[in-house]
N, C-alpha and C. Protein backbone atom coordinates (compact mmCIF):
# COMPACT_ATOMS: atom_id res chain seq x y z
N UNK A 1 7.20 5.71 14.66
CA UNK A 1 8.29 6.40 13.99
C UNK A 1 7.86 7.83 13.66
N UNK A 2 8.76 8.76 13.88
CA UNK A 2 8.47 10.16 13.59
C UNK A 2 8.39 10.40 12.09
N UNK A 3 7.52 11.31 11.71
CA UNK A 3 7.38 11.69 10.31
C UNK A 3 8.59 12.53 9.91
N UNK A 4 9.13 12.27 8.75
CA UNK A 4 10.28 13.02 8.25
C UNK A 4 9.79 14.30 7.60
N UNK A 5 10.38 15.41 8.00
CA UNK A 5 10.02 16.71 7.45
C UNK A 5 10.88 16.97 6.20
N UNK A 6 10.37 16.59 5.05
CA UNK A 6 11.11 16.71 3.79
C UNK A 6 11.49 18.16 3.50
N UNK A 7 10.60 19.09 3.75
CA UNK A 7 10.90 20.50 3.47
C UNK A 7 12.05 21.00 4.34
N UNK A 8 12.12 20.55 5.57
CA UNK A 8 13.24 20.93 6.45
C UNK A 8 14.55 20.40 5.88
N UNK A 9 14.53 19.17 5.42
CA UNK A 9 15.73 18.58 4.82
C UNK A 9 16.09 19.33 3.54
N UNK A 10 15.11 19.60 2.68
CA UNK A 10 15.37 20.34 1.44
C UNK A 10 15.99 21.70 1.72
N UNK A 11 15.54 22.36 2.79
CA UNK A 11 16.05 23.69 3.14
C UNK A 11 17.52 23.68 3.51
N UNK A 12 18.06 22.51 3.87
CA UNK A 12 19.49 22.41 4.17
C UNK A 12 20.35 22.41 2.90
N UNK A 13 19.73 22.24 1.74
CA UNK A 13 20.45 22.14 0.48
C UNK A 13 20.13 23.36 -0.38
N UNK A 14 21.03 24.34 -0.44
CA UNK A 14 20.75 25.57 -1.18
C UNK A 14 20.33 25.35 -2.63
N UNK A 15 20.93 24.39 -3.30
CA UNK A 15 20.60 24.18 -4.72
C UNK A 15 19.16 23.73 -4.91
N UNK A 16 18.57 23.12 -3.89
CA UNK A 16 17.19 22.64 -4.02
C UNK A 16 16.17 23.76 -3.92
N UNK A 17 16.65 24.98 -3.70
CA UNK A 17 15.76 26.14 -3.73
C UNK A 17 15.51 26.59 -5.18
N UNK A 18 16.34 26.10 -6.10
CA UNK A 18 16.17 26.44 -7.51
C UNK A 18 14.93 25.76 -8.08
N UNK A 19 14.40 26.41 -9.10
CA UNK A 19 13.28 25.82 -9.83
C UNK A 19 13.74 25.53 -11.26
N UNK A 20 13.31 24.41 -11.75
CA UNK A 20 13.57 24.02 -13.13
C UNK A 20 12.21 23.88 -13.80
N UNK A 21 11.99 24.65 -14.86
CA UNK A 21 10.68 24.64 -15.54
C UNK A 21 9.54 24.91 -14.56
N UNK A 22 9.77 25.88 -13.67
CA UNK A 22 8.78 26.28 -12.66
C UNK A 22 8.42 25.18 -11.67
N UNK A 23 9.27 24.19 -11.53
CA UNK A 23 9.05 23.10 -10.57
C UNK A 23 10.24 23.03 -9.61
N UNK A 24 9.99 22.55 -8.39
CA UNK A 24 11.07 22.34 -7.44
C UNK A 24 12.09 21.38 -8.04
N UNK A 25 13.36 21.70 -7.85
CA UNK A 25 14.42 20.82 -8.32
C UNK A 25 14.41 19.53 -7.51
N UNK A 26 14.40 18.42 -8.20
CA UNK A 26 14.56 17.10 -7.58
C UNK A 26 15.78 16.49 -8.24
N UNK A 27 16.81 16.23 -7.46
CA UNK A 27 18.09 15.78 -8.00
C UNK A 27 18.30 14.32 -7.63
N UNK A 28 18.38 13.44 -8.63
CA UNK A 28 18.49 12.01 -8.37
C UNK A 28 19.78 11.39 -8.90
N UNK A 29 20.68 12.18 -9.45
CA UNK A 29 21.91 11.63 -10.03
C UNK A 29 23.03 11.60 -8.98
N UNK A 30 22.73 11.05 -7.81
CA UNK A 30 23.67 11.07 -6.70
C UNK A 30 24.89 10.19 -6.90
N UNK A 31 24.83 9.21 -7.77
CA UNK A 31 26.01 8.40 -8.03
C UNK A 31 27.07 9.22 -8.75
N UNK A 32 26.65 10.22 -9.49
CA UNK A 32 27.59 11.06 -10.23
C UNK A 32 28.06 12.25 -9.40
N UNK A 33 27.13 12.96 -8.79
CA UNK A 33 27.46 14.14 -8.00
C UNK A 33 26.42 14.29 -6.89
N UNK A 34 26.89 14.34 -5.67
CA UNK A 34 25.97 14.51 -4.54
C UNK A 34 25.88 15.99 -4.21
N UNK A 35 24.66 16.48 -4.10
CA UNK A 35 24.46 17.87 -3.69
C UNK A 35 24.78 17.99 -2.20
N UNK A 36 25.29 19.14 -1.81
CA UNK A 36 25.77 19.31 -0.44
C UNK A 36 24.87 20.22 0.38
N UNK A 37 24.67 19.84 1.66
CA UNK A 37 23.93 20.73 2.56
C UNK A 37 24.79 21.94 2.93
N UNK A 38 24.14 22.96 3.48
CA UNK A 38 24.83 24.21 3.85
C UNK A 38 26.04 23.96 4.73
N UNK A 39 25.91 23.09 5.74
CA UNK A 39 27.03 22.85 6.65
C UNK A 39 28.25 22.29 5.93
N UNK A 40 28.02 21.42 4.96
CA UNK A 40 29.14 20.86 4.19
C UNK A 40 29.75 21.93 3.30
N UNK A 41 28.91 22.72 2.65
CA UNK A 41 29.42 23.81 1.81
C UNK A 41 30.27 24.78 2.63
N UNK A 42 29.80 25.10 3.82
CA UNK A 42 30.54 26.01 4.71
C UNK A 42 31.86 25.39 5.13
N UNK A 43 31.83 24.10 5.51
CA UNK A 43 33.06 23.42 5.92
C UNK A 43 34.07 23.37 4.78
N UNK A 44 33.60 23.06 3.57
CA UNK A 44 34.49 23.03 2.40
C UNK A 44 35.06 24.42 2.13
N UNK A 45 34.21 25.43 2.18
CA UNK A 45 34.66 26.80 1.96
C UNK A 45 35.73 27.18 2.98
N UNK A 46 35.49 26.87 4.24
CA UNK A 46 36.47 27.17 5.29
C UNK A 46 37.78 26.43 5.03
N UNK A 47 37.68 25.16 4.65
CA UNK A 47 38.88 24.37 4.37
C UNK A 47 39.68 24.99 3.23
N UNK A 48 39.01 25.34 2.14
CA UNK A 48 39.71 25.92 0.99
C UNK A 48 40.32 27.27 1.31
N UNK A 49 39.70 28.02 2.21
CA UNK A 49 40.24 29.33 2.58
C UNK A 49 41.33 29.25 3.65
N UNK A 50 41.25 28.26 4.54
CA UNK A 50 42.12 28.26 5.71
C UNK A 50 43.12 27.12 5.80
N UNK A 51 42.92 26.03 5.08
CA UNK A 51 43.79 24.87 5.30
C UNK A 51 44.09 24.07 4.04
N UNK A 52 43.76 24.57 2.89
CA UNK A 52 43.89 23.79 1.66
C UNK A 52 45.35 23.44 1.39
N UNK A 53 45.63 22.15 1.41
CA UNK A 53 46.97 21.65 1.16
C UNK A 53 46.90 20.14 0.98
N UNK A 54 48.04 19.54 0.62
CA UNK A 54 48.10 18.08 0.52
C UNK A 54 47.92 17.45 1.88
N UNK A 55 47.21 16.34 1.91
CA UNK A 55 46.99 15.59 3.14
C UNK A 55 48.00 14.44 3.19
N UNK A 56 48.64 14.27 4.35
CA UNK A 56 49.62 13.20 4.57
C UNK A 56 50.81 13.29 3.61
N UNK A 57 51.14 14.47 3.12
CA UNK A 57 52.19 14.58 2.12
C UNK A 57 53.32 15.54 2.49
N UNK A 58 53.15 16.30 3.56
CA UNK A 58 54.16 17.31 3.85
C UNK A 58 54.12 17.66 5.33
N UNK A 59 55.14 18.39 5.77
CA UNK A 59 55.22 18.75 7.19
C UNK A 59 55.07 20.25 7.41
N UNK A 60 54.67 21.00 6.40
CA UNK A 60 54.47 22.43 6.62
C UNK A 60 53.12 22.66 7.30
N UNK A 61 52.92 23.85 7.81
CA UNK A 61 51.77 24.18 8.66
C UNK A 61 50.43 23.85 8.00
N UNK A 62 50.24 24.27 6.75
CA UNK A 62 48.95 24.02 6.10
C UNK A 62 48.71 22.53 5.88
N UNK A 63 49.75 21.79 5.53
CA UNK A 63 49.59 20.35 5.32
C UNK A 63 49.24 19.65 6.63
N UNK A 64 49.85 20.07 7.71
CA UNK A 64 49.53 19.49 9.02
C UNK A 64 48.09 19.79 9.39
N UNK A 65 47.66 21.03 9.18
CA UNK A 65 46.27 21.40 9.49
C UNK A 65 45.30 20.62 8.61
N UNK A 66 45.59 20.50 7.33
CA UNK A 66 44.73 19.76 6.41
C UNK A 66 44.63 18.29 6.83
N UNK A 67 45.75 17.71 7.21
CA UNK A 67 45.77 16.32 7.66
C UNK A 67 44.95 16.13 8.93
N UNK A 68 45.06 17.07 9.85
CA UNK A 68 44.28 16.98 11.09
C UNK A 68 42.78 17.04 10.79
N UNK A 69 42.39 17.93 9.91
CA UNK A 69 40.97 18.04 9.53
C UNK A 69 40.51 16.74 8.86
N UNK A 70 41.29 16.25 7.95
CA UNK A 70 40.98 15.02 7.21
C UNK A 70 40.78 13.84 8.17
N UNK A 71 41.70 13.69 9.12
CA UNK A 71 41.62 12.58 10.07
C UNK A 71 40.47 12.77 11.06
N UNK A 72 40.14 14.01 11.39
CA UNK A 72 38.98 14.27 12.25
C UNK A 72 37.70 13.82 11.54
N UNK A 73 37.61 14.11 10.26
CA UNK A 73 36.45 13.68 9.47
C UNK A 73 36.40 12.15 9.41
N UNK A 74 37.55 11.52 9.23
CA UNK A 74 37.60 10.05 9.18
C UNK A 74 37.05 9.46 10.49
N UNK A 75 37.42 10.05 11.62
CA UNK A 75 36.92 9.58 12.93
C UNK A 75 35.42 9.78 13.05
N UNK A 76 34.92 10.90 12.53
CA UNK A 76 33.47 11.15 12.58
C UNK A 76 32.71 10.13 11.73
N UNK A 77 33.25 9.81 10.56
CA UNK A 77 32.61 8.81 9.70
C UNK A 77 32.66 7.44 10.37
N UNK A 78 33.80 7.11 10.97
CA UNK A 78 33.93 5.85 11.69
C UNK A 78 32.83 5.71 12.74
N UNK A 79 32.66 6.76 13.52
CA UNK A 79 31.64 6.74 14.58
C UNK A 79 30.23 6.66 13.96
N UNK A 80 29.99 7.42 12.91
CA UNK A 80 28.67 7.48 12.28
C UNK A 80 28.23 6.12 11.74
N UNK A 81 29.16 5.39 11.11
CA UNK A 81 28.80 4.09 10.53
C UNK A 81 29.17 2.92 11.43
N UNK A 82 29.67 3.24 12.63
CA UNK A 82 30.03 2.23 13.62
C UNK A 82 31.11 1.28 13.11
N UNK A 83 32.11 1.82 12.42
CA UNK A 83 33.23 1.01 11.96
C UNK A 83 34.13 0.70 13.15
N UNK A 84 34.80 -0.43 13.10
CA UNK A 84 35.66 -0.84 14.20
C UNK A 84 36.90 0.04 14.32
N UNK A 85 37.40 0.53 13.20
CA UNK A 85 38.65 1.28 13.22
C UNK A 85 38.66 2.30 12.08
N UNK A 86 39.41 3.38 12.27
CA UNK A 86 39.48 4.39 11.21
C UNK A 86 40.14 3.84 9.94
N UNK A 87 40.93 2.79 10.07
CA UNK A 87 41.57 2.20 8.88
C UNK A 87 40.55 1.57 7.94
N UNK A 88 39.32 1.38 8.41
CA UNK A 88 38.26 0.84 7.57
C UNK A 88 37.61 1.92 6.70
N UNK A 89 37.95 3.17 6.94
CA UNK A 89 37.35 4.29 6.22
C UNK A 89 38.29 4.72 5.10
N UNK A 90 37.80 4.65 3.88
CA UNK A 90 38.58 5.06 2.71
C UNK A 90 37.80 6.14 1.98
N UNK A 91 38.44 7.26 1.74
CA UNK A 91 37.82 8.33 0.97
C UNK A 91 38.29 8.25 -0.47
N UNK A 92 37.37 8.40 -1.40
CA UNK A 92 37.71 8.43 -2.82
C UNK A 92 37.09 9.68 -3.44
N UNK A 93 37.36 9.86 -4.71
CA UNK A 93 36.84 11.05 -5.39
C UNK A 93 35.36 10.91 -5.75
N UNK A 94 34.82 9.70 -5.68
CA UNK A 94 33.41 9.51 -6.01
C UNK A 94 33.07 8.05 -6.19
N UNK A 95 31.87 7.81 -6.64
CA UNK A 95 31.34 6.45 -6.78
C UNK A 95 32.15 5.63 -7.79
N UNK A 96 32.49 6.20 -8.92
CA UNK A 96 33.24 5.47 -9.94
C UNK A 96 34.59 5.01 -9.40
N UNK A 97 35.31 5.91 -8.75
CA UNK A 97 36.60 5.54 -8.17
C UNK A 97 36.43 4.48 -7.09
N UNK A 98 35.38 4.59 -6.30
CA UNK A 98 35.13 3.61 -5.24
C UNK A 98 34.86 2.22 -5.82
N UNK A 99 34.01 2.15 -6.83
CA UNK A 99 33.69 0.86 -7.44
C UNK A 99 34.90 0.25 -8.13
N UNK A 100 35.70 1.07 -8.78
CA UNK A 100 36.94 0.58 -9.39
C UNK A 100 37.88 0.04 -8.33
N UNK A 101 37.97 0.74 -7.21
CA UNK A 101 38.83 0.30 -6.11
C UNK A 101 38.39 -1.06 -5.58
N UNK A 102 37.09 -1.25 -5.39
CA UNK A 102 36.57 -2.53 -4.90
C UNK A 102 36.85 -3.64 -5.91
N UNK A 103 36.57 -3.39 -7.17
CA UNK A 103 36.78 -4.42 -8.19
C UNK A 103 38.26 -4.76 -8.33
N UNK A 104 39.11 -3.75 -8.28
CA UNK A 104 40.54 -3.98 -8.48
C UNK A 104 41.26 -4.50 -7.25
N UNK A 105 40.71 -4.29 -6.07
CA UNK A 105 41.38 -4.79 -4.86
C UNK A 105 40.67 -6.05 -4.36
N UNK A 106 39.47 -5.90 -3.85
CA UNK A 106 38.73 -7.04 -3.32
C UNK A 106 38.45 -8.06 -4.43
N UNK A 107 37.99 -7.58 -5.57
CA UNK A 107 37.65 -8.47 -6.67
C UNK A 107 38.83 -9.29 -7.16
N UNK A 108 39.97 -8.65 -7.33
CA UNK A 108 41.17 -9.36 -7.79
C UNK A 108 41.60 -10.42 -6.78
N UNK A 109 41.38 -10.15 -5.50
CA UNK A 109 41.81 -11.07 -4.45
C UNK A 109 40.84 -12.22 -4.21
N UNK A 110 39.55 -11.96 -4.37
CA UNK A 110 38.56 -12.94 -3.94
C UNK A 110 37.69 -13.54 -5.04
N UNK A 111 37.72 -13.00 -6.23
CA UNK A 111 36.96 -13.56 -7.35
C UNK A 111 37.90 -14.46 -8.14
N UNK A 112 37.43 -15.67 -8.41
CA UNK A 112 38.24 -16.65 -9.14
C UNK A 112 37.52 -17.08 -10.41
N UNK A 113 38.26 -17.72 -11.31
CA UNK A 113 37.65 -18.29 -12.51
C UNK A 113 36.55 -19.24 -12.07
N UNK A 114 35.39 -19.12 -12.70
CA UNK A 114 34.25 -19.97 -12.35
C UNK A 114 33.27 -19.31 -11.40
N UNK A 115 33.69 -18.28 -10.69
CA UNK A 115 32.77 -17.54 -9.81
C UNK A 115 31.80 -16.74 -10.66
N UNK A 116 30.65 -16.48 -10.10
CA UNK A 116 29.66 -15.65 -10.78
C UNK A 116 29.63 -14.27 -10.15
N UNK A 117 29.65 -13.26 -10.98
CA UNK A 117 29.51 -11.87 -10.53
C UNK A 117 28.11 -11.44 -10.94
N UNK A 118 27.27 -11.16 -9.97
CA UNK A 118 25.87 -10.84 -10.25
C UNK A 118 25.65 -9.34 -10.14
N UNK A 119 25.20 -8.74 -11.23
CA UNK A 119 24.81 -7.34 -11.26
C UNK A 119 23.51 -7.26 -12.05
N UNK A 120 22.84 -6.14 -11.97
CA UNK A 120 21.57 -6.00 -12.68
C UNK A 120 21.77 -5.30 -14.02
N UNK A 121 20.77 -5.40 -14.86
CA UNK A 121 20.80 -4.71 -16.16
C UNK A 121 20.65 -3.20 -15.98
N UNK A 122 20.27 -2.78 -14.79
CA UNK A 122 20.04 -1.35 -14.54
C UNK A 122 21.28 -0.63 -14.01
N UNK A 123 22.40 -1.32 -13.89
CA UNK A 123 23.58 -0.71 -13.30
C UNK A 123 24.12 0.44 -14.16
N UNK A 124 24.62 1.44 -13.48
CA UNK A 124 25.37 2.50 -14.14
C UNK A 124 26.68 1.89 -14.63
N UNK A 125 27.25 2.42 -15.67
CA UNK A 125 28.50 1.87 -16.20
C UNK A 125 29.60 1.81 -15.16
N UNK A 126 29.57 2.71 -14.19
CA UNK A 126 30.61 2.69 -13.16
C UNK A 126 30.53 1.44 -12.29
N UNK A 127 29.39 0.75 -12.29
CA UNK A 127 29.27 -0.51 -11.55
C UNK A 127 29.10 -1.70 -12.50
N UNK A 128 29.31 -1.50 -13.76
CA UNK A 128 29.20 -2.56 -14.75
C UNK A 128 30.57 -2.88 -15.34
N UNK A 129 31.21 -1.87 -15.88
CA UNK A 129 32.48 -2.05 -16.59
C UNK A 129 33.57 -2.68 -15.71
N UNK A 130 33.79 -2.22 -14.47
CA UNK A 130 34.86 -2.83 -13.66
C UNK A 130 34.66 -4.33 -13.46
N UNK A 131 33.40 -4.76 -13.29
CA UNK A 131 33.12 -6.18 -13.08
C UNK A 131 33.25 -6.97 -14.38
N UNK A 132 32.86 -6.37 -15.50
CA UNK A 132 33.05 -7.03 -16.79
C UNK A 132 34.55 -7.22 -17.06
N UNK A 133 35.33 -6.18 -16.79
CA UNK A 133 36.77 -6.28 -17.00
C UNK A 133 37.39 -7.33 -16.09
N UNK A 134 36.92 -7.38 -14.84
CA UNK A 134 37.42 -8.38 -13.90
C UNK A 134 37.09 -9.79 -14.40
N UNK A 135 35.85 -9.97 -14.87
CA UNK A 135 35.45 -11.29 -15.40
C UNK A 135 36.33 -11.70 -16.57
N UNK A 136 36.63 -10.76 -17.45
CA UNK A 136 37.51 -11.07 -18.59
C UNK A 136 38.90 -11.47 -18.12
N UNK A 137 39.42 -10.76 -17.12
CA UNK A 137 40.75 -11.09 -16.61
C UNK A 137 40.76 -12.45 -15.91
N UNK A 138 39.69 -12.78 -15.23
CA UNK A 138 39.66 -14.00 -14.44
C UNK A 138 39.32 -15.25 -15.25
N UNK A 139 38.41 -15.12 -16.20
CA UNK A 139 38.01 -16.32 -16.94
C UNK A 139 37.81 -16.09 -18.43
N UNK A 140 38.07 -14.91 -18.88
CA UNK A 140 38.00 -14.64 -20.30
C UNK A 140 36.62 -14.47 -20.88
N UNK A 141 35.62 -14.26 -20.03
CA UNK A 141 34.27 -14.04 -20.56
C UNK A 141 33.47 -13.14 -19.63
N UNK A 142 32.39 -12.60 -20.15
CA UNK A 142 31.51 -11.76 -19.32
C UNK A 142 30.12 -12.34 -19.34
C-alpha cells in the first residue's frame, strides 16, 4: 500500500494553513462542520456567483442551471460510492439533519416496541436524541 502524503492532503485545505497557539490547526469536529478543500471552495464560489437559485423549484434560467449542477453532483456521488441509482443519494444540511432523517423515516418504519436501539455513551447528541425520542414514541422508555 502506498504511503499517504498527509502534507499534500493538508495543502488542499486552506484553513489548515492557519496556526492556533503556534501549532498546525488540526480540526476534528467534522460531525458539526466539515472543512472544505480548495476545489470545493472554488466550486461553491462559482455556484454562488453564477447559478445560485432554488433547485427543483422553478423553471427560470438560474433554477434550471442550479438543478443541473445539483443533479450532476448527485451522479458523481452515486458513482463514487457505487450506489445503484441516483435516487439512493440524499443531500441534507449536515449530520444532525441526516441522523434525524434516518430516525424519523427508517426508524419509524422498522423499529418496533421491544426492539433494542444500540448506541454508545460517546455519541454526539445529534446521534443520541433522535433515537431516545424514537424509543419513547415506540415503547415509552429509553
